[in-house]
C-alpha atoms as a PDB file:
ATOM      1  CA  MET A   1      -4.859   7.637 -17.478  1.00  0.00           C
ATOM      2  CA  LEU A   2      -7.693  10.097 -18.118  1.00  0.00           C
ATOM      3  CA  LEU A   3      -5.568  13.051 -17.012  1.00  0.00           C
ATOM      4  CA  GLY A   4      -2.756  11.991 -19.350  1.00  0.00           C
ATOM      5  CA  TRP A   5      -5.184  11.633 -22.241  1.00  0.00           C
ATOM      6  CA  LEU A   6      -6.705  15.072 -21.602  1.00  0.00           C
ATOM      7  CA  SER A   7      -3.330  16.779 -21.221  1.00  0.00           C
ATOM      8  CA  GLY A   8      -2.281  15.223 -24.541  1.00  0.00           C
ATOM      9  CA  ILE A   9      -5.305  16.724 -26.255  1.00  0.00           C
ATOM     10  CA  VAL A  10      -4.610  20.160 -24.775  1.00  0.00           C
ATOM     11  CA  SER A  11      -0.883  20.074 -25.602  1.00  0.00           C
ATOM     12  CA  GLY A  12      -1.391  18.663 -29.095  1.00  0.00           C
ATOM     13  CA  HIS A  13       0.922  15.730 -28.283  1.00  0.00           C
ATOM     14  CA  GLN A  14      -1.547  12.940 -27.648  1.00  0.00           C
ATOM     15  CA  MET A  15      -0.031   9.613 -26.732  1.00  0.00           C
ATOM     16  CA  PRO A  16      -1.424   6.453 -28.377  1.00  0.00           C
ATOM     17  CA  LEU A  17      -3.879   4.671 -26.084  1.00  0.00           C
ATOM     18  CA  GLN A  18      -1.721   1.566 -25.832  1.00  0.00           C
ATOM     19  CA  SER A  19       1.209   3.686 -24.612  1.00  0.00           C
ATOM     20  CA  LEU A  20      -0.943   5.757 -22.291  1.00  0.00           C
ATOM     21  CA  LEU A  21      -2.154   2.613 -20.529  1.00  0.00           C
ATOM     22  CA  PHE A  22       1.392   1.714 -19.519  1.00  0.00           C
ATOM     23  CA  TRP A  23       2.865   5.174 -18.864  1.00  0.00           C
ATOM     24  CA  GLN A  24       3.010   6.224 -15.239  1.00  0.00           C
ATOM     25  CA  ARG A  25       4.830   9.156 -13.673  1.00  0.00           C
ATOM     26  CA  ARG A  26       6.045   6.807 -10.919  1.00  0.00           C
ATOM     27  CA  HIS A  27       7.738   4.598 -13.524  1.00  0.00           C
ATOM     28  CA  ARG A  28       9.370   7.653 -15.073  1.00  0.00           C
ATOM     29  CA  ARG A  29      10.755   8.603 -11.649  1.00  0.00           C
ATOM     30  CA  ASP A  30      11.975   5.016 -11.125  1.00  0.00           C
ATOM     31  CA  ILE A  31      13.887   5.220 -14.406  1.00  0.00           C
ATOM     32  CA  GLU A  32      15.412   8.568 -13.402  1.00  0.00           C
ATOM     33  CA  VAL A  33      16.510   7.149 -10.034  1.00  0.00           C
ATOM     34  CA  ALA A  34      18.120   4.166 -11.760  1.00  0.00           C
ATOM     35  CA  VAL A  35      19.937   6.405 -14.253  1.00  0.00           C
ATOM     36  CA  GLU A  36      21.252   8.605 -11.445  1.00  0.00           C
ATOM     37  CA  ARG A  37      22.282   5.629  -9.315  1.00  0.00           C
ATOM     38  CA  PHE A  38      23.944   3.449 -11.970  1.00  0.00           C
ATOM     39  CA  ALA A  39      25.059   6.103 -14.516  1.00  0.00           C
ATOM     40  CA  PRO A  40      24.625   3.779 -17.515  1.00  0.00           C
ATOM     41  CA  ASP A  41      25.839   4.586 -21.028  1.00  0.00           C
ATOM     42  CA  THR A  42      22.648   3.114 -22.532  1.00  0.00           C
ATOM     43  CA  VAL A  43      19.103   2.401 -21.344  1.00  0.00           C
ATOM     44  CA  TYR A  44      17.086  -0.266 -23.180  1.00  0.00           C
ATOM     45  CA  PHE A  45      13.279  -0.027 -23.387  1.00  0.00           C
ATOM     46  CA  ASP A  46      11.421  -3.207 -24.298  1.00  0.00           C
ATOM     47  CA  GLY A  47       8.360  -2.596 -26.446  1.00  0.00           C
ATOM     48  CA  VAL A  48       6.729   0.218 -28.347  1.00  0.00           C
ATOM     49  CA  ARG A  49       4.559   1.106 -25.356  1.00  0.00           C
ATOM     50  CA  THR A  50       7.657   2.206 -23.430  1.00  0.00           C
ATOM     51  CA  GLY A  51       8.616   4.657 -26.176  1.00  0.00           C
ATOM     52  CA  ALA A  52       6.608   7.381 -24.461  1.00  0.00           C
ATOM     53  CA  TYR A  53       9.374   7.661 -21.851  1.00  0.00           C
ATOM     54  CA  LEU A  54      12.054   8.493 -24.418  1.00  0.00           C
ATOM     55  CA  PRO A  55      11.368  12.164 -25.338  1.00  0.00           C
ATOM     56  CA  GLY A  56      11.474  13.447 -21.765  1.00  0.00           C
ATOM     57  CA  LEU A  57      14.454  11.314 -20.809  1.00  0.00           C
ATOM     58  CA  SER A  58      16.415  12.354 -23.895  1.00  0.00           C
ATOM     59  CA  ARG A  59      15.911  16.015 -22.920  1.00  0.00           C
ATOM     60  CA  GLN A  60      16.848  15.349 -19.311  1.00  0.00           C
ATOM     61  CA  TYR A  61      19.901  13.182 -20.146  1.00  0.00           C
ATOM     62  CA  PRO A  62      21.133  14.389 -23.564  1.00  0.00           C
ATOM     63  CA  GLY A  63      24.283  12.221 -23.510  1.00  0.00           C
ATOM     64  CA  LEU A  64      22.459   9.023 -22.582  1.00  0.00           C
ATOM     65  CA  ARG A  65      21.801   6.518 -25.366  1.00  0.00           C
ATOM     66  CA  LEU A  66      18.187   5.374 -25.306  1.00  0.00           C
ATOM     67  CA  VAL A  67      17.289   2.227 -27.239  1.00  0.00           C
ATOM     68  CA  CYS A  68      13.681   1.161 -27.759  1.00  0.00           C
ATOM     69  CA  ASP A  69      12.720  -2.213 -29.219  1.00  0.00           C
ATOM     70  CA  PHE A  70       9.631  -1.337 -31.235  1.00  0.00           C
ATOM     71  CA  ASP A  71       8.613  -4.956 -31.875  1.00  0.00           C
ATOM     72  CA  ASP A  72       4.887  -4.764 -31.376  1.00  0.00           C
ATOM     73  CA  LEU A  73       3.405  -8.226 -31.318  1.00  0.00           C
ATOM     74  CA  MET A  74       0.379  -7.193 -29.245  1.00  0.00           C
ATOM     75  CA  SER A  75      -0.831  -4.794 -31.932  1.00  0.00           C
ATOM     76  CA  ARG A  76      -0.207  -7.379 -34.650  1.00  0.00           C
ATOM     77  CA  ARG A  77      -2.237  -9.931 -32.731  1.00  0.00           C
ATOM     78  CA  MET A  78      -5.111  -7.490 -32.207  1.00  0.00           C
ATOM     79  CA  ALA A  79      -5.081  -6.494 -35.885  1.00  0.00           C
ATOM     80  CA  TYR A  80      -5.148 -10.161 -36.912  1.00  0.00           C
ATOM     81  CA  LEU A  81      -8.103 -10.908 -34.633  1.00  0.00           C
ATOM     82  CA  VAL A  82     -10.058  -7.884 -35.864  1.00  0.00           C
ATOM     83  CA  GLN A  83      -9.325  -8.558 -39.546  1.00  0.00           C
ATOM     84  CA  ASN A  84     -10.447 -12.157 -39.138  1.00  0.00           C
ATOM     85  CA  LYS A  85     -13.524 -11.162 -37.127  1.00  0.00           C
ATOM     86  CA  GLN A  86     -12.322 -13.110 -34.104  1.00  0.00           C
ATOM     87  CA  PRO A  87     -13.378 -12.144 -30.586  1.00  0.00           C
ATOM     88  CA  VAL A  88     -10.863  -9.944 -28.822  1.00  0.00           C
ATOM     89  CA  SER A  89     -10.225 -10.349 -25.133  1.00  0.00           C
ATOM     90  CA  LEU A  90      -8.627  -7.507 -23.256  1.00  0.00           C
ATOM     91  CA  GLY A  91      -7.329 -10.025 -20.707  1.00  0.00           C
ATOM     92  CA  TYR A  92      -5.401  -8.381 -17.884  1.00  0.00           C
ATOM     93  CA  MET A  93      -5.965  -4.998 -19.567  1.00  0.00           C
ATOM     94  CA  ALA A  94      -9.725  -5.208 -18.882  1.00  0.00           C
ATOM     95  CA  LYS A  95      -9.259  -3.578 -15.453  1.00  0.00           C
ATOM     96  CA  TYR A  96      -8.287  -0.341 -17.220  1.00  0.00           C
ATOM     97  CA  PHE A  97     -11.524  -0.090 -19.210  1.00  0.00           C
ATOM     98  CA  PRO A  98     -15.224   0.273 -18.436  1.00  0.00           C
ATOM     99  CA  GLY A  99     -17.188  -2.960 -18.901  1.00  0.00           C
ATOM    100  CA  TRP A 100     -18.892  -1.718 -22.074  1.00  0.00           C
ATOM    101  CA  VAL A 101     -15.507  -1.352 -23.815  1.00  0.00           C
ATOM    102  CA  GLU A 102     -14.568  -4.951 -23.036  1.00  0.00           C
ATOM    103  CA  ARG A 103     -17.960  -6.155 -24.282  1.00  0.00           C
ATOM    104  CA  GLN A 104     -17.516  -4.142 -27.474  1.00  0.00           C
ATOM    105  CA  TYR A 105     -14.103  -5.695 -28.120  1.00  0.00           C
ATOM    106  CA  ALA A 106     -15.376  -9.185 -27.277  1.00  0.00           C
ATOM    107  CA  SER A 107     -18.157  -8.746 -29.838  1.00  0.00           C
ATOM    108  CA  GLY A 108     -15.533  -8.473 -32.581  1.00  0.00           C
ATOM    109  CA  HIS A 109     -16.371  -4.813 -33.296  1.00  0.00           C
ATOM    110  CA  PRO A 110     -13.646  -2.732 -31.647  1.00  0.00           C
ATOM    111  CA  ILE A 111     -14.278   0.965 -31.266  1.00  0.00           C
ATOM    112  CA  LEU A 112     -10.670   2.116 -31.362  1.00  0.00           C
ATOM    113  CA  THR A 113      -9.594   0.824 -34.753  1.00  0.00           C
ATOM    114  CA  ALA A 114      -7.013   3.590 -35.306  1.00  0.00           C
ATOM    115  CA  ASP A 115      -4.807   1.938 -32.692  1.00  0.00           C
ATOM    116  CA  LEU A 116      -5.129  -1.343 -34.592  1.00  0.00           C
ATOM    117  CA  GLY A 117      -3.613   0.007 -37.770  1.00  0.00           C
ATOM    118  CA  HIS A 118      -6.906   0.873 -39.471  1.00  0.00           C
ATOM    119  CA  ALA A 119      -7.192   4.590 -40.079  1.00  0.00           C
END
């Protein structure tokens, strides 16, 4: 995750944190293998966090239709909790963050408000 974040800064194409947490080169390769094996007309991606796979795949497979469902209930939920000063639990995502980040979120004062729709 850290390498992806740093390469985004250097390239000027930084991925949103919520997408970066889910993006893995191994998953990208798995998608490529499936496309090669099944030769689909369309590939469906479920959730805004999977959108990071689309630019590279659209270059690699220009004739392939890529559909991404951008329904983003996780971000809406987080925004609601923050706006209403409710504690935020990172749940299963906590393993991706240092302990101090989880404590900061749990306190109701998130540090990454840009990802929550507050610029």
